[in-house]
Amino acid sequence: MCFSSTASFIGGAVISTIGIATVMKVHKPSQVLFASIPLFFGFQQIAEGLVWLSLKSPGNAGLESFATHIFLIMAQVIWPVLIPVSIMHMEKSSKKRKILSVFLAVGIILACYYSYCLIAFRVHPIIKGYHIQYDTEFPESLAMVAFVFYIAATLPPLFMSSIKRMYLFGLLMTFSCLVTGIFYTQYLTSVWCFFAALISGVIFWILHEEKKLFNLEKLKLLKI
């Protein structure tokens, strides 16, 4: 979804449509944040579409800065918090919720760090080939630590959740990180979003199955 402005906008529209369908599957307030993830992805893709447009039209420095920061805020600040907090809200086990709160704390620390970096340092989006490379002036000495925190906040919660089929979300997330990390290291932030549509589809499936189970249990209660 990150190969051109057209691809980003189309991708954003498609993913947002999946997002609307996913939200319609919500039957518990605790599922709202999790169901909103595809809408988050859709908006993120539209933001990167604006980055593409600004880079291809010199003189749009204001739009470039705005769209770039919106995209990076979503990718680096919101995402590492959204994943653990949305899973924690859905989790029924109090023991697992306590463990998830640790991952949430890691995500919040990382979000604060990236928020500071986005305010204090410059970011330079550059089109290279069919991807956008986000060159930042963030402290290089903390880059690996931030990466480890990012992985810790976003992947383990998906595998420890007791929600049915959540591990599939985790497997897809892990695979997408590996692919982008191995083949597109310089463009990881941008290319990783190519998997957003697949991930959104899995989220829809998880909530669809959860709703089916909920309706089945409700039906059993009515028969009793």
C-alpha atoms as a PDB file:
ATOM      1  CA  MET A   1       0.000   0.000   0.000  1.00  0.00           C
ATOM      2  CA  CYS A   2       3.042   2.207   0.098  1.00  0.00           C
ATOM      3  CA  PHE A   3       4.245   2.138  -3.519  1.00  0.00           C
ATOM      4  CA  SER A   4       2.546   5.349  -4.708  1.00  0.00           C
ATOM      5  CA  SER A   5      -0.002   7.948  -3.646  1.00  0.00           C
ATOM      6  CA  THR A   6      -2.709   6.161  -5.645  1.00  0.00           C
ATOM      7  CA  ALA A   7      -1.919   2.825  -4.002  1.00  0.00           C
ATOM      8  CA  SER A   8      -1.936   4.465  -0.565  1.00  0.00           C
ATOM      9  CA  PHE A   9      -5.299   6.169  -1.110  1.00  0.00           C
ATOM     10  CA  ILE A  10      -6.913   3.063  -2.598  1.00  0.00           C
ATOM     11  CA  GLY A  11      -5.425   0.958   0.175  1.00  0.00           C
ATOM     12  CA  GLY A  12      -6.710   3.423   2.754  1.00  0.00           C
ATOM     13  CA  ALA A  13     -10.217   3.268   1.296  1.00  0.00           C
ATOM     14  CA  VAL A  14     -10.268  -0.546   1.145  1.00  0.00           C
ATOM     15  CA  ILE A  15      -8.896  -0.972   4.658  1.00  0.00           C
ATOM     16  CA  SER A  16     -11.276   1.647   6.039  1.00  0.00           C
ATOM     17  CA  THR A  17     -14.170  -0.307   4.501  1.00  0.00           C
ATOM     18  CA  ILE A  18     -12.923  -3.432   6.275  1.00  0.00           C
ATOM     19  CA  GLY A  19     -12.674  -1.295   9.408  1.00  0.00           C
ATOM     20  CA  ILE A  20     -16.308  -0.220   9.205  1.00  0.00           C
ATOM     21  CA  ALA A  21     -17.390  -3.851   8.715  1.00  0.00           C
ATOM     22  CA  THR A  22     -15.207  -4.861  11.682  1.00  0.00           C
ATOM     23  CA  VAL A  23     -16.697  -2.226  13.990  1.00  0.00           C
ATOM     24  CA  MET A  24     -20.136  -3.549  13.070  1.00  0.00           C
ATOM     25  CA  LYS A  25     -19.086  -6.916  14.529  1.00  0.00           C
ATOM     26  CA  VAL A  26     -18.575  -5.379  17.967  1.00  0.00           C
ATOM     27  CA  HIS A  27     -20.970  -6.736  20.576  1.00  0.00           C
ATOM     28  CA  LYS A  28     -19.084  -5.717  23.726  1.00  0.00           C
ATOM     29  CA  PRO A  29     -17.685  -2.277  24.679  1.00  0.00           C
ATOM     30  CA  SER A  30     -14.336  -3.956  25.451  1.00  0.00           C
ATOM     31  CA  GLN A  31     -13.935  -4.796  21.743  1.00  0.00           C
ATOM     32  CA  VAL A  32     -14.193  -1.240  20.412  1.00  0.00           C
ATOM     33  CA  LEU A  33     -10.478  -0.391  20.543  1.00  0.00           C
ATOM     34  CA  PHE A  34      -9.460  -3.675  18.920  1.00  0.00           C
ATOM     35  CA  ALA A  35     -12.116  -3.299  16.219  1.00  0.00           C
ATOM     36  CA  SER A  36     -10.851   0.211  15.443  1.00  0.00           C
ATOM     37  CA  ILE A  37      -7.397  -1.057  14.363  1.00  0.00           C
ATOM     38  CA  PRO A  38      -8.359  -1.451  10.658  1.00  0.00           C
ATOM     39  CA  LEU A  39      -9.726   2.126  10.698  1.00  0.00           C
ATOM     40  CA  PHE A  40      -6.403   3.179  12.219  1.00  0.00           C
ATOM     41  CA  PHE A  41      -4.578   1.448   9.357  1.00  0.00           C
ATOM     42  CA  GLY A  42      -6.854   3.045   6.779  1.00  0.00           C
ATOM     43  CA  PHE A  43      -6.227   6.542   8.109  1.00  0.00           C
ATOM     44  CA  GLN A  44      -2.498   5.808   8.278  1.00  0.00           C
ATOM     45  CA  GLN A  45      -2.437   4.807   4.616  1.00  0.00           C
ATOM     46  CA  ILE A  46      -4.263   8.000   3.632  1.00  0.00           C
ATOM     47  CA  ALA A  47      -1.684  10.012   5.612  1.00  0.00           C
ATOM     48  CA  GLU A  48       1.125   8.347   3.676  1.00  0.00           C
ATOM     49  CA  GLY A  49      -0.713   9.080   0.447  1.00  0.00           C
ATOM     50  CA  LEU A  50      -0.476  12.762   1.387  1.00  0.00           C
ATOM     51  CA  VAL A  51       3.258  12.310   2.028  1.00  0.00           C
ATOM     52  CA  TRP A  52       3.616  10.932  -1.508  1.00  0.00           C
ATOM     53  CA  LEU A  53       1.714  13.886  -2.981  1.00  0.00           C
ATOM     54  CA  SER A  54       3.773  16.445  -1.058  1.00  0.00           C
ATOM     55  CA  LEU A  55       7.067  14.866  -2.136  1.00  0.00           C
ATOM     56  CA  LYS A  56       6.033  14.814  -5.792  1.00  0.00           C
ATOM     57  CA  SER A  57       4.869  18.432  -5.718  1.00  0.00           C
ATOM     58  CA  PRO A  58       7.727  20.726  -4.596  1.00  0.00           C
ATOM     59  CA  GLY A  59       6.623  23.711  -2.555  1.00  0.00           C
ATOM     60  CA  ASN A  60       4.311  21.779  -0.226  1.00  0.00           C
ATOM     61  CA  ALA A  61       6.613  21.813   2.795  1.00  0.00           C
ATOM     62  CA  GLY A  62       3.708  22.416   5.167  1.00  0.00           C
ATOM     63  CA  LEU A  63       1.720  19.431   3.877  1.00  0.00           C
ATOM     64  CA  GLU A  64       4.844  17.264   3.837  1.00  0.00           C
ATOM     65  CA  SER A  65       5.646  18.013   7.473  1.00  0.00           C
ATOM     66  CA  PHE A  66       2.033  17.590   8.608  1.00  0.00           C
ATOM     67  CA  ALA A  67       1.424  14.300   6.767  1.00  0.00           C
ATOM     68  CA  THR A  68       4.825  12.875   7.749  1.00  0.00           C
ATOM     69  CA  HIS A  69       4.278  13.589  11.426  1.00  0.00           C
ATOM     70  CA  ILE A  70       0.722  12.197  11.347  1.00  0.00           C
ATOM     71  CA  PHE A  71       2.016   8.990   9.760  1.00  0.00           C
ATOM     72  CA  LEU A  72       4.912   8.605  12.208  1.00  0.00           C
ATOM     73  CA  ILE A  73       2.771   9.471  15.236  1.00  0.00           C
ATOM     74  CA  MET A  74       0.421   6.669  14.265  1.00  0.00           C
ATOM     75  CA  ALA A  75       3.232   4.202  13.529  1.00  0.00           C
ATOM     76  CA  GLN A  76       5.573   5.001  16.408  1.00  0.00           C
ATOM     77  CA  VAL A  77       3.476   6.626  19.140  1.00  0.00           C
ATOM     78  CA  ILE A  78      -0.065   5.240  18.929  1.00  0.00           C
ATOM     79  CA  TRP A  79       0.573   1.698  17.641  1.00  0.00           C
ATOM     80  CA  PRO A  80       2.792   0.408  20.508  1.00  0.00           C
ATOM     81  CA  VAL A  81       0.123   1.576  22.966  1.00  0.00           C
ATOM     82  CA  LEU A  82      -2.959   0.599  20.961  1.00  0.00           C
ATOM     83  CA  ILE A  83      -1.996  -3.076  20.656  1.00  0.00           C
ATOM     84  CA  PRO A  84      -1.461  -3.922  24.351  1.00  0.00           C
ATOM     85  CA  VAL A  85      -4.306  -1.722  25.618  1.00  0.00           C
ATOM     86  CA  SER A  86      -6.838  -3.122  23.113  1.00  0.00           C
ATOM     87  CA  ILE A  87      -5.874  -6.722  23.947  1.00  0.00           C
ATOM     88  CA  MET A  88      -5.953  -5.972  27.670  1.00  0.00           C
ATOM     89  CA  HIS A  89      -9.499  -4.588  27.407  1.00  0.00           C
ATOM     90  CA  MET A  90     -10.681  -7.798  25.735  1.00  0.00           C
ATOM     91  CA  GLU A  91      -8.826 -10.197  28.029  1.00  0.00           C
ATOM     92  CA  LYS A  92     -10.993 -12.077  30.523  1.00  0.00           C
ATOM     93  CA  SER A  93      -8.194 -13.496  32.683  1.00  0.00           C
ATOM     94  CA  SER A  94      -7.210 -11.099  35.469  1.00  0.00           C
ATOM     95  CA  LYS A  95      -3.764 -12.727  35.666  1.00  0.00           C
ATOM     96  CA  LYS A  96      -3.108 -12.118  31.983  1.00  0.00           C
ATOM     97  CA  ARG A  97      -4.403  -8.561  32.254  1.00  0.00           C
ATOM     98  CA  LYS A  98      -1.743  -7.866  34.888  1.00  0.00           C
ATOM     99  CA  ILE A  99       0.957  -9.226  32.579  1.00  0.00           C
ATOM    100  CA  LEU A 100      -0.442  -7.221  29.670  1.00  0.00           C
ATOM    101  CA  SER A 101      -0.215  -4.087  31.791  1.00  0.00           C
ATOM    102  CA  VAL A 102       3.574  -4.561  31.807  1.00  0.00           C
ATOM    103  CA  PHE A 103       3.656  -4.585  27.995  1.00  0.00           C
ATOM    104  CA  LEU A 104       1.392  -1.545  28.006  1.00  0.00           C
ATOM    105  CA  ALA A 105       3.873   0.246  30.279  1.00  0.00           C
ATOM    106  CA  VAL A 106       6.651  -0.591  27.781  1.00  0.00           C
ATOM    107  CA  GLY A 107       4.512   0.808  24.961  1.00  0.00           C
ATOM    108  CA  ILE A 108       3.795   4.012  26.883  1.00  0.00           C
ATOM    109  CA  ILE A 109       7.507   4.557  27.599  1.00  0.00           C
ATOM    110  CA  LEU A 110       8.298   4.043  23.910  1.00  0.00           C
ATOM    111  CA  ALA A 111       5.458   6.373  22.871  1.00  0.00           C
ATOM    112  CA  CYS A 112       6.830   9.097  25.150  1.00  0.00           C
ATOM    113  CA  TYR A 113      10.323   8.627  23.689  1.00  0.00           C
ATOM    114  CA  TYR A 114       9.129   8.846  20.084  1.00  0.00           C
ATOM    115  CA  SER A 115       6.908  11.826  20.923  1.00  0.00           C
ATOM    116  CA  TYR A 116       9.969  13.642  22.246  1.00  0.00           C
ATOM    117  CA  CYS A 117      12.010  12.676  19.171  1.00  0.00           C
ATOM    118  CA  LEU A 118       9.323  13.883  16.755  1.00  0.00           C
ATOM    119  CA  ILE A 119       9.274  17.240  18.547  1.00  0.00           C
ATOM    120  CA  ALA A 120      13.030  17.655  19.052  1.00  0.00           C
ATOM    121  CA  PHE A 121      14.477  16.190  15.829  1.00  0.00           C
ATOM    122  CA  ARG A 122      13.831  16.583  12.127  1.00  0.00           C
ATOM    123  CA  VAL A 123      12.365  13.928   9.864  1.00  0.00           C
ATOM    124  CA  HIS A 124      13.114  13.748   6.137  1.00  0.00           C
ATOM    125  CA  PRO A 125      10.802  11.595   3.976  1.00  0.00           C
ATOM    126  CA  ILE A 126      12.466  10.620   0.692  1.00  0.00           C
ATOM    127  CA  ILE A 127      11.102   8.669  -2.267  1.00  0.00           C
ATOM    128  CA  LYS A 128      13.514   5.882  -3.160  1.00  0.00           C
ATOM    129  CA  GLY A 129      12.339   3.528  -5.862  1.00  0.00           C
ATOM    130  CA  TYR A 130       8.744   2.640  -5.051  1.00  0.00           C
ATOM    131  CA  HIS A 131       8.973   3.282  -1.335  1.00  0.00           C
ATOM    132  CA  ILE A 132       9.236   6.152   1.106  1.00  0.00           C
ATOM    133  CA  GLN A 133      12.272   6.219   3.354  1.00  0.00           C
ATOM    134  CA  TYR A 134      11.849   8.199   6.556  1.00  0.00           C
ATOM    135  CA  ASP A 135      15.278   9.552   7.457  1.00  0.00           C
ATOM    136  CA  THR A 136      15.292  10.770  11.044  1.00  0.00           C
ATOM    137  CA  GLU A 137      17.817  12.471  13.280  1.00  0.00           C
ATOM    138  CA  PHE A 138      16.748  10.420  16.293  1.00  0.00           C
ATOM    139  CA  PRO A 139      19.622   9.329  18.633  1.00  0.00           C
ATOM    140  CA  GLU A 140      21.359   6.395  16.932  1.00  0.00           C
ATOM    141  CA  SER A 141      22.583   5.051  20.278  1.00  0.00           C
ATOM    142  CA  LEU A 142      18.965   4.383  21.323  1.00  0.00           C
ATOM    143  CA  ALA A 143      17.725   3.002  17.986  1.00  0.00           C
ATOM    144  CA  MET A 144      18.153  -0.679  18.893  1.00  0.00           C
ATOM    145  CA  VAL A 145      16.709  -0.186  22.381  1.00  0.00           C
ATOM    146  CA  ALA A 146      13.651   1.527  20.859  1.00  0.00           C
ATOM    147  CA  PHE A 147      13.270  -1.318  18.346  1.00  0.00           C
ATOM    148  CA  VAL A 148      13.370  -3.943  21.132  1.00  0.00           C
ATOM    149  CA  PHE A 149      10.774  -1.970  23.121  1.00  0.00           C
ATOM    150  CA  TYR A 150       8.602  -1.731  19.980  1.00  0.00           C
ATOM    151  CA  ILE A 151       8.678  -5.496  19.425  1.00  0.00           C
ATOM    152  CA  ALA A 152       8.074  -6.169  23.133  1.00  0.00           C
ATOM    153  CA  ALA A 153       5.025  -3.902  23.246  1.00  0.00           C
ATOM    154  CA  THR A 154       3.362  -5.137  20.049  1.00  0.00           C
ATOM    155  CA  LEU A 155       4.034  -8.864  19.576  1.00  0.00           C
ATOM    156  CA  PRO A 156       3.914 -10.771  22.927  1.00  0.00           C
ATOM    157  CA  PRO A 157       0.396  -9.512  23.840  1.00  0.00           C
ATOM    158  CA  LEU A 158      -0.981 -11.152  20.684  1.00  0.00           C
ATOM    159  CA  PHE A 159       0.417 -14.576  21.595  1.00  0.00           C
ATOM    160  CA  MET A 160      -0.521 -14.559  25.277  1.00  0.00           C
ATOM    161  CA  SER A 161      -4.133 -13.496  24.741  1.00  0.00           C
ATOM    162  CA  SER A 162      -6.819 -16.070  25.494  1.00  0.00           C
ATOM    163  CA  ILE A 163      -9.007 -14.675  22.694  1.00  0.00           C
ATOM    164  CA  LYS A 164      -9.648 -17.364  20.096  1.00  0.00           C
ATOM    165  CA  ARG A 165      -7.421 -17.114  16.985  1.00  0.00           C
ATOM    166  CA  MET A 166      -5.558 -14.046  18.288  1.00  0.00           C
ATOM    167  CA  TYR A 167      -2.334 -15.981  17.746  1.00  0.00           C
ATOM    168  CA  LEU A 168      -2.993 -15.780  13.989  1.00  0.00           C
ATOM    169  CA  PHE A 169      -2.834 -12.002  14.268  1.00  0.00           C
ATOM    170  CA  GLY A 170       0.469 -12.437  16.117  1.00  0.00           C
ATOM    171  CA  LEU A 171       1.880 -14.786  13.477  1.00  0.00           C
ATOM    172  CA  LEU A 172       0.949 -12.407  10.663  1.00  0.00           C
ATOM    173  CA  MET A 173       2.445  -9.449  12.543  1.00  0.00           C
ATOM    174  CA  THR A 174       5.668 -11.385  13.165  1.00  0.00           C
ATOM    175  CA  PHE A 175       5.880 -12.502   9.532  1.00  0.00           C
ATOM    176  CA  SER A 176       5.303  -8.971   8.254  1.00  0.00           C
ATOM    177  CA  CYS A 177       8.048  -7.599  10.525  1.00  0.00           C
ATOM    178  CA  LEU A 178      10.475 -10.303   9.389  1.00  0.00           C
ATOM    179  CA  VAL A 179       9.773  -9.724   5.690  1.00  0.00           C
ATOM    180  CA  THR A 180      10.126  -5.966   5.885  1.00  0.00           C
ATOM    181  CA  GLY A 181      13.135  -6.231   8.180  1.00  0.00           C
ATOM    182  CA  ILE A 182      14.990  -8.648   5.877  1.00  0.00           C
ATOM    183  CA  PHE A 183      14.090  -7.308   2.441  1.00  0.00           C
ATOM    184  CA  TYR A 184      13.241  -3.665   3.037  1.00  0.00           C
ATOM    185  CA  THR A 185      15.313  -2.665   6.059  1.00  0.00           C
ATOM    186  CA  GLN A 186      15.648   1.003   5.049  1.00  0.00           C
ATOM    187  CA  TYR A 187      11.929   1.355   4.414  1.00  0.00           C
ATOM    188  CA  LEU A 188      10.582  -0.745   7.313  1.00  0.00           C
ATOM    189  CA  THR A 189       8.128   1.886   8.630  1.00  0.00           C
ATOM    190  CA  SER A 190       6.588   2.388   5.191  1.00  0.00           C
ATOM    191  CA  VAL A 191       6.670  -1.110   3.671  1.00  0.00           C
ATOM    192  CA  TRP A 192       5.374  -2.829   6.798  1.00  0.00           C
ATOM    193  CA  CYS A 193       2.020  -1.146   6.163  1.00  0.00           C
ATOM    194  CA  PHE A 194       1.674  -3.259   3.010  1.00  0.00           C
ATOM    195  CA  PHE A 195       0.460  -6.006   5.354  1.00  0.00           C
ATOM    196  CA  ALA A 196      -2.206  -3.771   6.876  1.00  0.00           C
ATOM    197  CA  ALA A 197      -4.980  -5.156   4.638  1.00  0.00           C
ATOM    198  CA  LEU A 198      -4.187  -8.770   5.573  1.00  0.00           C
ATOM    199  CA  ILE A 199      -3.961  -7.909   9.263  1.00  0.00           C
ATOM    200  CA  SER A 200      -7.260  -6.019   9.064  1.00  0.00           C
ATOM    201  CA  GLY A 201      -8.875  -9.074   7.484  1.00  0.00           C
ATOM    202  CA  VAL A 202      -7.661 -11.263  10.353  1.00  0.00           C
ATOM    203  CA  ILE A 203      -9.035  -8.781  12.913  1.00  0.00           C
ATOM    204  CA  PHE A 204     -12.414  -8.875  11.153  1.00  0.00           C
ATOM    205  CA  TRP A 205     -12.332 -12.687  11.248  1.00  0.00           C
ATOM    206  CA  ILE A 206     -11.452 -12.770  14.964  1.00  0.00           C
ATOM    207  CA  LEU A 207     -14.365 -10.503  15.889  1.00  0.00           C
ATOM    208  CA  HIS A 208     -16.675 -12.318  13.480  1.00  0.00           C
ATOM    209  CA  GLU A 209     -15.890 -15.602  15.256  1.00  0.00           C
ATOM    210  CA  GLU A 210     -16.261 -13.941  18.651  1.00  0.00           C
ATOM    211  CA  LYS A 211     -19.715 -12.670  17.665  1.00  0.00           C
ATOM    212  CA  LYS A 212     -20.757 -16.112  16.426  1.00  0.00           C
ATOM    213  CA  LEU A 213     -19.688 -17.631  19.738  1.00  0.00           C
ATOM    214  CA  PHE A 214     -21.511 -14.883  21.646  1.00  0.00           C
ATOM    215  CA  ASN A 215     -24.726 -15.464  19.669  1.00  0.00           C
ATOM    216  CA  LEU A 216     -24.432 -19.221  20.204  1.00  0.00           C
ATOM    217  CA  GLU A 217     -24.072 -18.817  23.968  1.00  0.00           C
ATOM    218  CA  LYS A 218     -26.979 -16.377  23.993  1.00  0.00           C
ATOM    219  CA  LEU A 219     -29.120 -18.873  22.109  1.00  0.00           C
ATOM    220  CA  LYS A 220     -28.275 -21.608  24.617  1.00  0.00           C
ATOM    221  CA  LEU A 221     -29.306 -19.352  27.488  1.00  0.00           C
ATOM    222  CA  LEU A 222     -32.624 -18.590  25.791  1.00  0.00           C
ATOM    223  CA  LYS A 223     -33.327 -22.327  25.376  1.00  0.00           C
ATOM    224  CA  ILE A 224     -32.650 -22.872  29.069  1.00  0.00           C
END
